[in-house]
N, C-alpha and C. Protein backbone atom coordinates (compact mmCIF):
# COMPACT_ATOMS: atom_id res chain seq x y z
N MET A 1 -61.14 -42.25 -216.26
CA MET A 1 -61.54 -41.84 -215.01
C MET A 1 -61.36 -40.77 -214.39
N ALA A 2 -59.88 -40.15 -214.56
CA ALA A 2 -59.28 -39.18 -214.53
C ALA A 2 -59.80 -37.75 -214.76
N SER A 3 -60.55 -37.84 -216.19
CA SER A 3 -61.56 -36.89 -216.94
C SER A 3 -62.69 -36.86 -215.89
N ASP A 4 -63.36 -37.96 -215.50
CA ASP A 4 -64.42 -37.73 -214.40
C ASP A 4 -64.00 -37.23 -213.27
N ILE A 5 -63.27 -36.78 -212.99
CA ILE A 5 -62.97 -36.46 -211.49
C ILE A 5 -62.89 -34.87 -211.59
N ARG A 6 -61.94 -34.65 -212.78
CA ARG A 6 -61.56 -33.05 -213.29
C ARG A 6 -63.57 -32.53 -213.45
N THR A 7 -63.88 -33.44 -214.38
CA THR A 7 -65.48 -32.94 -214.59
C THR A 7 -66.42 -32.49 -213.37
N ASP A 8 -65.91 -33.24 -212.00
CA ASP A 8 -66.98 -33.40 -210.83
C ASP A 8 -66.55 -32.27 -210.15
N TYR A 9 -65.14 -32.16 -210.38
CA TYR A 9 -64.47 -31.10 -209.54
C TYR A 9 -64.96 -29.41 -209.67
N GLY A 10 -64.85 -29.64 -211.33
CA GLY A 10 -65.31 -28.40 -212.11
C GLY A 10 -66.72 -27.75 -211.59
N SER A 11 -68.00 -28.68 -212.18
CA SER A 11 -69.25 -29.10 -211.98
C SER A 11 -69.13 -28.47 -210.08
N ALA A 12 -68.62 -28.86 -209.04
CA ALA A 12 -68.79 -28.47 -208.07
C ALA A 12 -68.63 -27.05 -207.79
N ALA A 13 -67.35 -26.54 -207.90
CA ALA A 13 -66.69 -25.34 -207.99
C ALA A 13 -67.97 -24.44 -208.97
N SER A 14 -67.78 -24.94 -210.09
CA SER A 14 -69.03 -23.60 -210.70
C SER A 14 -70.38 -23.68 -209.80
N ARG A 15 -70.62 -24.60 -208.55
CA ARG A 15 -72.32 -24.29 -208.48
C ARG A 15 -71.94 -23.57 -207.01
N VAL A 16 -70.61 -23.79 -206.70
CA VAL A 16 -70.29 -22.82 -205.07
C VAL A 16 -70.13 -21.74 -205.83
N ASP A 17 -69.69 -21.31 -206.67
CA ASP A 17 -69.16 -19.83 -207.71
C ASP A 17 -70.52 -19.31 -207.82
N ALA A 18 -72.05 -20.23 -207.93
CA ALA A 18 -72.76 -19.24 -208.34
C ALA A 18 -73.79 -19.16 -207.41
N GLN A 19 -73.41 -20.39 -206.02
CA GLN A 19 -74.07 -19.82 -205.01
C GLN A 19 -73.28 -18.96 -204.00
N ILE A 20 -72.42 -18.13 -204.22
CA ILE A 20 -71.53 -16.86 -203.53
C ILE A 20 -72.00 -15.48 -204.05
N ALA A 21 -72.19 -15.46 -205.68
CA ALA A 21 -72.55 -14.79 -206.32
C ALA A 21 -74.62 -14.12 -205.92
N LYS A 22 -74.85 -15.51 -205.78
CA LYS A 22 -76.45 -15.01 -205.78
C LYS A 22 -76.53 -14.24 -204.18
N ARG A 23 -75.30 -14.87 -202.85
CA ARG A 23 -75.86 -14.37 -201.82
C ARG A 23 -75.57 -12.66 -202.07
N PRO A 24 -76.60 -12.41 -201.47
CA PRO A 24 -76.42 -10.76 -201.50
C PRO A 24 -75.29 -10.06 -200.06
N LYS A 25 -74.74 -8.75 -200.89
CA LYS A 25 -73.11 -8.70 -199.96
C LYS A 25 -74.07 -7.99 -198.63
N VAL A 26 -73.94 -8.22 -197.40
CA VAL A 26 -74.73 -7.53 -196.67
C VAL A 26 -73.15 -7.59 -195.67
N PRO A 27 -73.75 -5.61 -195.23
CA PRO A 27 -72.20 -5.38 -194.43
C PRO A 27 -72.06 -6.21 -193.18
N ARG A 28 -70.31 -6.53 -192.73
CA ARG A 28 -69.82 -7.59 -191.28
C ARG A 28 -70.02 -6.33 -190.34
N LYS A 29 -70.83 -7.13 -189.13
CA LYS A 29 -70.54 -5.99 -187.66
C LYS A 29 -69.19 -5.23 -187.68
N VAL A 30 -68.46 -5.82 -187.75
CA VAL A 30 -66.92 -5.00 -187.62
C VAL A 30 -66.64 -4.02 -188.27
N ASP A 31 -67.11 -4.33 -189.41
CA ASP A 31 -66.86 -3.28 -190.79
C ASP A 31 -67.74 -2.34 -190.37
N VAL A 32 -69.24 -2.15 -189.91
CA VAL A 32 -70.15 -1.28 -189.51
C VAL A 32 -69.46 -0.43 -188.60
N ALA A 33 -69.02 -0.71 -187.57
CA ALA A 33 -68.37 -0.64 -186.22
C ALA A 33 -67.25 0.25 -186.11
N VAL A 34 -66.16 -0.52 -187.05
CA VAL A 34 -65.25 0.58 -187.66
C VAL A 34 -65.65 2.27 -188.72
N GLY A 35 -66.99 1.51 -188.97
CA GLY A 35 -66.98 2.77 -190.12
C GLY A 35 -67.77 4.14 -189.21
N GLY A 36 -68.59 3.54 -187.98
CA GLY A 36 -69.24 4.36 -187.18
C GLY A 36 -68.58 4.83 -186.39
N ARG A 37 -67.15 4.28 -185.61
CA ARG A 37 -65.92 5.35 -185.52
C ARG A 37 -65.50 6.40 -186.09
N ILE A 38 -65.35 6.27 -187.42
CA ILE A 38 -64.36 6.32 -188.63
C ILE A 38 -65.16 7.74 -188.47
N LYS A 39 -66.38 7.33 -188.79
CA LYS A 39 -67.05 9.06 -188.53
C LYS A 39 -67.71 9.71 -187.72
N LYS A 40 -67.97 9.11 -186.53
CA LYS A 40 -67.50 9.63 -185.53
C LYS A 40 -66.19 11.10 -185.01
N ARG A 41 -65.01 10.33 -185.61
CA ARG A 41 -63.91 11.17 -185.72
C ARG A 41 -63.70 12.12 -186.34
N ARG A 42 -64.28 11.61 -187.72
CA ARG A 42 -64.35 12.42 -188.59
C ARG A 42 -64.98 14.08 -187.94
N LYS A 43 -66.23 13.54 -187.79
CA LYS A 43 -67.02 15.03 -187.23
C LYS A 43 -65.97 15.64 -186.17
N ALA A 44 -65.94 14.97 -184.97
CA ALA A 44 -65.28 15.99 -183.80
C ALA A 44 -64.26 16.47 -184.27
N LEU A 45 -63.70 16.05 -185.42
CA LEU A 45 -62.14 16.66 -186.22
C LEU A 45 -62.76 17.78 -186.68
N GLY A 46 -64.02 17.63 -187.01
CA GLY A 46 -64.86 18.81 -188.02
C GLY A 46 -64.47 18.91 -189.69
N LEU A 47 -64.72 17.67 -189.61
CA LEU A 47 -63.81 17.39 -191.32
C LEU A 47 -65.29 16.73 -192.35
N SER A 48 -65.43 17.59 -193.51
CA SER A 48 -66.22 16.80 -194.63
C SER A 48 -65.73 15.80 -194.78
N GLN A 49 -67.02 14.55 -195.71
CA GLN A 49 -66.27 13.38 -196.16
C GLN A 49 -65.65 13.86 -196.96
N THR A 50 -65.78 14.91 -198.04
CA THR A 50 -64.72 15.54 -198.94
C THR A 50 -63.42 15.83 -198.67
N GLU A 51 -63.38 16.63 -197.92
CA GLU A 51 -61.57 16.62 -196.85
C GLU A 51 -61.13 15.55 -196.58
N LEU A 52 -61.66 14.62 -195.83
CA LEU A 52 -61.50 13.63 -195.26
C LEU A 52 -60.60 12.50 -196.92
N GLY A 53 -61.55 12.26 -197.31
CA GLY A 53 -61.10 11.59 -198.86
C GLY A 53 -59.84 12.22 -200.11
N ARG A 54 -59.90 14.27 -199.25
CA ARG A 54 -58.80 14.39 -200.06
C ARG A 54 -57.64 14.31 -199.02
N LYS A 55 -57.54 14.05 -198.51
CA LYS A 55 -56.35 13.30 -197.72
C LYS A 55 -56.03 11.96 -197.64
N LEU A 56 -57.21 10.90 -198.19
CA LEU A 56 -56.51 10.25 -198.17
C LEU A 56 -56.77 10.05 -199.62
N GLY A 57 -57.27 10.93 -200.89
CA GLY A 57 -56.84 10.33 -201.89
C GLY A 57 -57.61 9.76 -202.66
N ILE A 58 -58.82 9.58 -202.13
CA ILE A 58 -60.40 8.87 -202.17
C ILE A 58 -61.22 10.30 -202.24
N THR A 59 -61.94 9.59 -203.08
CA THR A 59 -63.39 10.63 -203.24
C THR A 59 -64.61 10.12 -201.91
N PHE A 60 -65.34 11.25 -201.69
CA PHE A 60 -66.54 11.27 -200.53
C PHE A 60 -67.06 10.45 -200.83
N GLN A 61 -67.59 9.48 -201.88
CA GLN A 61 -68.19 8.63 -202.00
C GLN A 61 -67.91 7.24 -200.88
N GLN A 62 -65.99 6.86 -201.43
CA GLN A 62 -65.62 5.63 -200.95
C GLN A 62 -65.70 6.10 -198.85
N ILE A 63 -65.48 7.27 -198.94
CA ILE A 63 -65.79 7.58 -197.83
C ILE A 63 -67.27 7.01 -196.68
N GLN A 64 -68.14 7.79 -197.43
CA GLN A 64 -69.39 7.33 -197.00
C GLN A 64 -69.51 5.62 -197.19
N LYS A 65 -69.17 4.63 -198.33
CA LYS A 65 -69.12 3.74 -197.84
C LYS A 65 -68.46 2.95 -196.68
N TYR A 66 -67.03 3.47 -196.92
CA TYR A 66 -66.42 3.25 -195.52
C TYR A 66 -67.03 3.35 -194.04
N GLU A 67 -67.84 4.04 -194.16
CA GLU A 67 -68.46 4.60 -192.81
C GLU A 67 -69.93 4.31 -192.77
N LYS A 68 -70.69 3.70 -193.61
CA LYS A 68 -71.86 2.58 -193.52
C LYS A 68 -71.53 1.14 -193.42
N GLY A 69 -69.65 1.03 -193.17
CA GLY A 69 -69.67 -0.62 -193.70
C GLY A 69 -70.15 -1.45 -194.93
N THR A 70 -70.06 -0.59 -196.44
CA THR A 70 -70.75 -0.99 -196.82
C THR A 70 -69.10 -1.64 -198.04
N ASN A 71 -67.90 -1.07 -197.68
CA ASN A 71 -67.08 -1.68 -198.21
C ASN A 71 -65.68 -1.66 -197.52
N ARG A 72 -65.17 -2.58 -197.12
CA ARG A 72 -64.30 -3.34 -196.20
C ARG A 72 -62.78 -1.96 -196.52
N ILE A 73 -61.88 -1.98 -195.28
CA ILE A 73 -61.37 -1.34 -195.44
C ILE A 73 -59.85 -2.04 -195.21
N GLY A 74 -59.02 -2.49 -196.18
CA GLY A 74 -57.31 -2.60 -196.80
C GLY A 74 -56.75 -2.65 -195.44
N ALA A 75 -55.87 -2.95 -194.66
CA ALA A 75 -54.40 -2.64 -193.63
C ALA A 75 -54.53 -1.47 -193.70
N SER A 76 -53.97 -1.30 -194.87
CA SER A 76 -52.54 0.00 -195.33
C SER A 76 -53.58 0.95 -195.27
N ARG A 77 -54.55 0.84 -195.93
CA ARG A 77 -55.75 2.27 -196.30
C ARG A 77 -55.87 2.43 -194.40
N LEU A 78 -56.47 1.33 -193.98
CA LEU A 78 -56.85 1.37 -192.71
C LEU A 78 -55.67 2.57 -191.75
N ALA A 79 -54.20 2.45 -191.49
CA ALA A 79 -53.26 2.39 -191.42
C ALA A 79 -53.12 4.26 -191.50
N ILE A 80 -52.80 4.16 -193.35
CA ILE A 80 -53.42 5.43 -193.29
C ILE A 80 -54.23 6.46 -192.69
N LEU A 81 -55.96 5.83 -192.98
CA LEU A 81 -56.98 6.50 -192.49
C LEU A 81 -56.58 7.04 -190.65
N ALA A 82 -56.42 6.24 -189.97
CA ALA A 82 -55.62 6.13 -188.41
C ALA A 82 -55.39 7.82 -188.19
N ALA A 83 -53.86 7.56 -189.29
CA ALA A 83 -53.06 8.44 -189.56
C ALA A 83 -53.51 10.09 -189.10
N ALA A 84 -54.26 9.50 -190.34
CA ALA A 84 -55.20 11.04 -191.01
C ALA A 84 -56.39 11.76 -190.03
N LEU A 85 -56.98 10.67 -189.54
CA LEU A 85 -57.65 11.42 -188.24
C LEU A 85 -57.03 11.20 -186.88
N HIS A 86 -55.78 11.31 -186.91
CA HIS A 86 -54.80 11.57 -185.69
C HIS A 86 -55.28 10.40 -184.41
N MET A 87 -55.56 9.49 -184.80
CA MET A 87 -56.14 8.09 -183.79
C MET A 87 -55.00 6.89 -184.02
N PRO A 88 -55.01 6.12 -182.65
CA PRO A 88 -54.11 4.93 -182.76
C PRO A 88 -55.25 3.82 -183.96
N ILE A 89 -54.55 3.20 -184.43
CA ILE A 89 -55.86 2.53 -185.18
C ILE A 89 -56.37 0.68 -184.80
N GLY A 90 -56.02 1.34 -183.35
CA GLY A 90 -56.63 0.01 -182.45
C GLY A 90 -57.59 0.76 -182.15
N ASP A 91 -57.00 2.19 -182.24
CA ASP A 91 -59.09 2.89 -181.48
C ASP A 91 -60.32 2.72 -182.42
N LEU A 92 -59.80 2.78 -183.70
CA LEU A 92 -60.95 2.41 -184.66
C LEU A 92 -61.73 0.95 -184.53
N PHE A 93 -61.16 0.59 -183.79
CA PHE A 93 -61.50 -1.07 -183.66
C PHE A 93 -62.28 -1.16 -182.05
N GLY A 94 -62.42 0.06 -181.42
CA GLY A 94 -62.59 -0.10 -180.09
C GLY A 94 -62.49 -0.70 -179.13
N GLU A 95 -60.91 -1.08 -179.39
CA GLU A 95 -60.04 -1.62 -178.36
C GLU A 95 -60.25 -1.12 -176.79
N ASP A 96 -60.29 -1.12 -175.64
CA ASP A 96 -60.02 -1.15 -174.61
C ASP A 96 -58.80 -0.24 -173.98
N THR A 97 -58.71 1.23 -174.17
CA THR A 97 -58.01 2.28 -173.61
C THR A 97 -58.42 2.52 -172.26
N GLN A 98 -57.11 2.30 -171.34
CA GLN A 98 -57.26 3.32 -169.91
C GLN A 98 -58.10 2.22 -169.18
N GLY A 99 -58.89 1.10 -169.27
CA GLY A 99 -59.40 0.55 -168.53
C GLY A 99 -61.04 0.58 -168.62
N LEU A 100 -61.28 1.49 -169.91
CA LEU A 100 -62.52 1.99 -170.09
C LEU A 100 -63.27 0.87 -171.27
N SER A 101 -64.82 0.66 -170.72
CA SER A 101 -65.38 -0.05 -171.57
C SER A 101 -65.56 1.06 -173.51
N ASP A 102 -65.75 0.20 -174.28
CA ASP A 102 -66.30 1.04 -175.52
C ASP A 102 -67.29 2.39 -175.22
N SER A 103 -68.35 1.71 -174.71
CA SER A 103 -69.54 2.84 -174.90
C SER A 103 -68.74 3.71 -173.94
N HIS A 104 -68.39 3.55 -172.33
CA HIS A 104 -68.37 4.73 -172.09
C HIS A 104 -67.04 5.58 -172.21
N GLN A 105 -65.88 4.82 -172.64
CA GLN A 105 -64.52 6.00 -173.64
C GLN A 105 -65.84 6.66 -174.29
N ASP A 106 -66.52 6.26 -175.60
CA ASP A 106 -67.53 6.65 -176.36
C ASP A 106 -68.06 8.03 -175.94
N ASN A 107 -68.91 7.69 -174.64
CA ASN A 107 -69.66 8.90 -173.91
C ASN A 107 -68.68 9.82 -173.28
N ALA A 108 -67.50 9.32 -172.68
CA ALA A 108 -67.00 10.29 -172.00
C ALA A 108 -66.38 11.11 -173.34
N VAL A 109 -66.07 10.83 -174.18
CA VAL A 109 -65.40 12.23 -175.53
C VAL A 109 -66.54 12.61 -176.45
N SER A 110 -67.21 11.50 -175.73
CA SER A 110 -68.91 13.15 -176.66
C SER A 110 -69.05 14.34 -175.47
N THR A 111 -69.05 13.58 -174.31
CA THR A 111 -69.36 15.01 -173.56
C THR A 111 -67.83 16.05 -173.36
N PHE A 112 -67.23 15.04 -173.76
CA PHE A 112 -65.82 16.37 -173.51
C PHE A 112 -66.15 17.18 -175.16
N LEU A 113 -66.27 16.84 -175.87
CA LEU A 113 -66.25 17.21 -177.34
C LEU A 113 -67.64 18.01 -177.04
N GLU A 114 -68.51 17.93 -176.57
CA GLU A 114 -69.49 18.57 -176.23
C GLU A 114 -69.38 19.93 -175.44
N HIS A 115 -68.73 20.79 -174.76
CA HIS A 115 -68.23 21.26 -173.90
C HIS A 115 -67.20 22.14 -175.22
N GLY A 116 -67.33 24.07 -174.87
CA GLY A 116 -66.48 24.67 -175.84
C GLY A 116 -64.89 24.69 -175.64
N ASP A 117 -64.57 24.26 -174.46
CA ASP A 117 -63.28 24.27 -174.25
C ASP A 117 -62.99 22.87 -174.13
N GLY A 118 -63.67 21.63 -174.18
CA GLY A 118 -63.30 20.33 -174.79
C GLY A 118 -62.77 19.82 -176.32
N LYS A 119 -63.76 20.87 -177.12
CA LYS A 119 -63.31 21.26 -178.12
C LYS A 119 -62.20 21.72 -178.65
N ARG A 120 -61.82 23.02 -178.07
CA ARG A 120 -60.83 23.88 -178.60
C ARG A 120 -59.50 22.84 -177.88
N LEU A 121 -59.62 22.61 -176.73
CA LEU A 121 -58.40 21.96 -176.30
C LEU A 121 -58.12 20.67 -177.34
N PHE A 122 -59.28 20.06 -177.97
CA PHE A 122 -58.59 18.50 -178.52
C PHE A 122 -58.28 19.00 -179.99
N LEU A 123 -58.65 20.42 -180.62
CA LEU A 123 -58.54 20.62 -181.90
C LEU A 123 -57.03 21.00 -181.89
N ALA A 124 -56.77 21.86 -181.14
CA ALA A 124 -55.43 22.05 -180.87
C ALA A 124 -54.12 21.26 -180.42
N PHE A 125 -54.50 20.35 -179.49
CA PHE A 125 -54.22 19.31 -179.25
C PHE A 125 -54.24 17.86 -179.76
N THR A 126 -54.41 18.01 -181.62
CA THR A 126 -54.47 17.08 -182.68
C THR A 126 -53.30 17.72 -183.75
N ARG A 127 -53.34 19.25 -183.38
CA ARG A 127 -51.87 19.86 -184.31
C ARG A 127 -51.01 19.77 -183.81
N ILE A 128 -50.73 19.64 -182.39
CA ILE A 128 -49.08 19.73 -182.05
C ILE A 128 -48.38 18.10 -182.89
N LYS A 129 -47.68 18.56 -183.27
CA LYS A 129 -47.02 17.48 -183.69
C LYS A 129 -46.16 16.74 -182.91
N ASN A 130 -44.58 16.84 -182.49
CA ASN A 130 -43.87 17.08 -181.61
C ASN A 130 -44.28 16.32 -180.49
N LYS A 131 -44.00 14.54 -180.51
CA LYS A 131 -44.68 13.46 -179.33
C LYS A 131 -44.50 14.00 -178.18
N ASN A 132 -43.19 14.17 -177.65
CA ASN A 132 -42.75 14.52 -176.22
C ASN A 132 -43.66 15.73 -175.82
N ALA A 133 -44.09 16.93 -176.62
CA ALA A 133 -44.84 18.05 -176.13
C ALA A 133 -46.44 17.20 -175.82
N ARG A 134 -46.20 16.23 -176.53
CA ARG A 134 -48.55 15.62 -176.71
C ARG A 134 -48.20 15.12 -175.13
N LYS A 135 -46.87 14.31 -174.87
CA LYS A 135 -46.77 13.34 -173.41
C LYS A 135 -47.02 14.12 -172.55
N GLY A 136 -45.73 15.71 -172.96
CA GLY A 136 -45.68 16.25 -171.81
C GLY A 136 -47.20 16.70 -171.61
N ILE A 137 -47.98 17.54 -172.20
CA ILE A 137 -49.45 18.27 -171.83
C ILE A 137 -50.23 17.04 -171.36
N VAL A 138 -50.78 15.26 -171.66
CA VAL A 138 -51.14 14.74 -171.15
C VAL A 138 -50.52 14.26 -170.08
N ARG A 139 -49.83 14.28 -169.58
CA ARG A 139 -48.78 14.54 -167.85
C ARG A 139 -49.20 15.60 -167.41
N LEU A 140 -49.86 16.69 -167.54
CA LEU A 140 -49.56 17.58 -166.93
C LEU A 140 -51.32 17.93 -167.13
N VAL A 141 -52.16 17.67 -167.83
CA VAL A 141 -53.85 17.87 -167.56
C VAL A 141 -54.02 16.33 -166.85
N GLU A 142 -53.08 15.20 -166.56
CA GLU A 142 -53.42 14.35 -165.23
C GLU A 142 -53.00 14.83 -164.32
N SER A 143 -51.93 15.37 -164.59
CA SER A 143 -51.40 16.22 -162.49
C SER A 143 -52.85 16.84 -162.12
N LEU A 144 -53.09 17.69 -163.64
CA LEU A 144 -53.70 18.98 -162.59
C LEU A 144 -55.41 17.98 -162.38
N ALA A 145 -56.00 17.26 -163.17
CA ALA A 145 -56.75 16.71 -162.52
C ALA A 145 -56.55 15.61 -161.69
N ASN A 146 -55.83 15.00 -161.49
CA ASN A 146 -56.02 14.16 -160.02
C ASN A 146 -55.61 15.24 -158.46
N ARG A 147 -54.40 16.35 -159.12
CA ARG A 147 -54.52 17.61 -157.75
C ARG A 147 -56.20 18.24 -157.33
N SER A 148 -57.34 18.28 -158.48
CA SER A 148 -58.36 18.57 -158.34
C SER A 148 -59.08 18.03 -158.02
N GLN A 149 -59.08 16.66 -157.62
CA GLN A 149 -59.38 15.83 -157.28
C GLN A 149 -59.23 15.64 -155.99
N ARG A 150 -57.83 15.57 -155.69
CA ARG A 150 -57.79 15.66 -154.14
C ARG A 150 -58.32 17.17 -153.36
N ASP A 151 -58.55 17.81 -154.06
CA ASP A 151 -59.23 18.78 -153.34
C ASP A 151 -60.56 19.14 -153.01
N SER A 152 -61.45 18.61 -154.00
CA SER A 152 -62.74 18.68 -153.97
C SER A 152 -63.03 18.42 -152.67
N PRO A 153 -63.95 19.25 -152.51
CA PRO A 153 -64.67 18.80 -150.96
C PRO A 153 -65.85 17.60 -151.21
N HIS A 154 -65.91 17.34 -152.31
CA HIS A 154 -66.98 16.46 -152.92
C HIS A 154 -65.82 14.87 -152.58
N ALA A 155 -64.68 15.19 -152.59
CA ALA A 155 -63.96 13.66 -152.38
C ALA A 155 -63.70 12.96 -151.97
N ALA A 156 -64.32 11.27 -152.29
CA ALA A 156 -64.65 10.43 -150.76
C ALA A 156 -62.98 10.38 -150.01
N VAL A 157 -63.14 10.35 -149.31
CA VAL A 157 -61.88 10.18 -147.83
C VAL A 157 -61.86 8.32 -147.66
């Protein structure tokens, strides 16, 4: 009787394995979304797939698969990738930052990078390694933006 149970269990497991093997592998939405953000950031930094691949020690083909969502990215690789792209890992998942929705934030970043000064500022900022210096620059820019908004004749009163 014990052998019957093992046989039934073994054949059921084989059927499940066969069903899983027959399913076409379709990228999951989250993998496609993360891949799209990787591609957008890579392009904003002016990196080719080959250059990013070299930074990570992988081929450009693997970068292509990550960007399409075809291959899933492990946690440790995702952390290394975020560091190589000079961004918090949460941004790869589209987490809400500073109260902006993901699509609104993407539009604001795209608009910023379309301007020559925005792109120059962004590229220069990402080269600054000192965390305190980066924070100071952010505070300075926020202060200037707030002052400019207050002094604007179009500001709401």
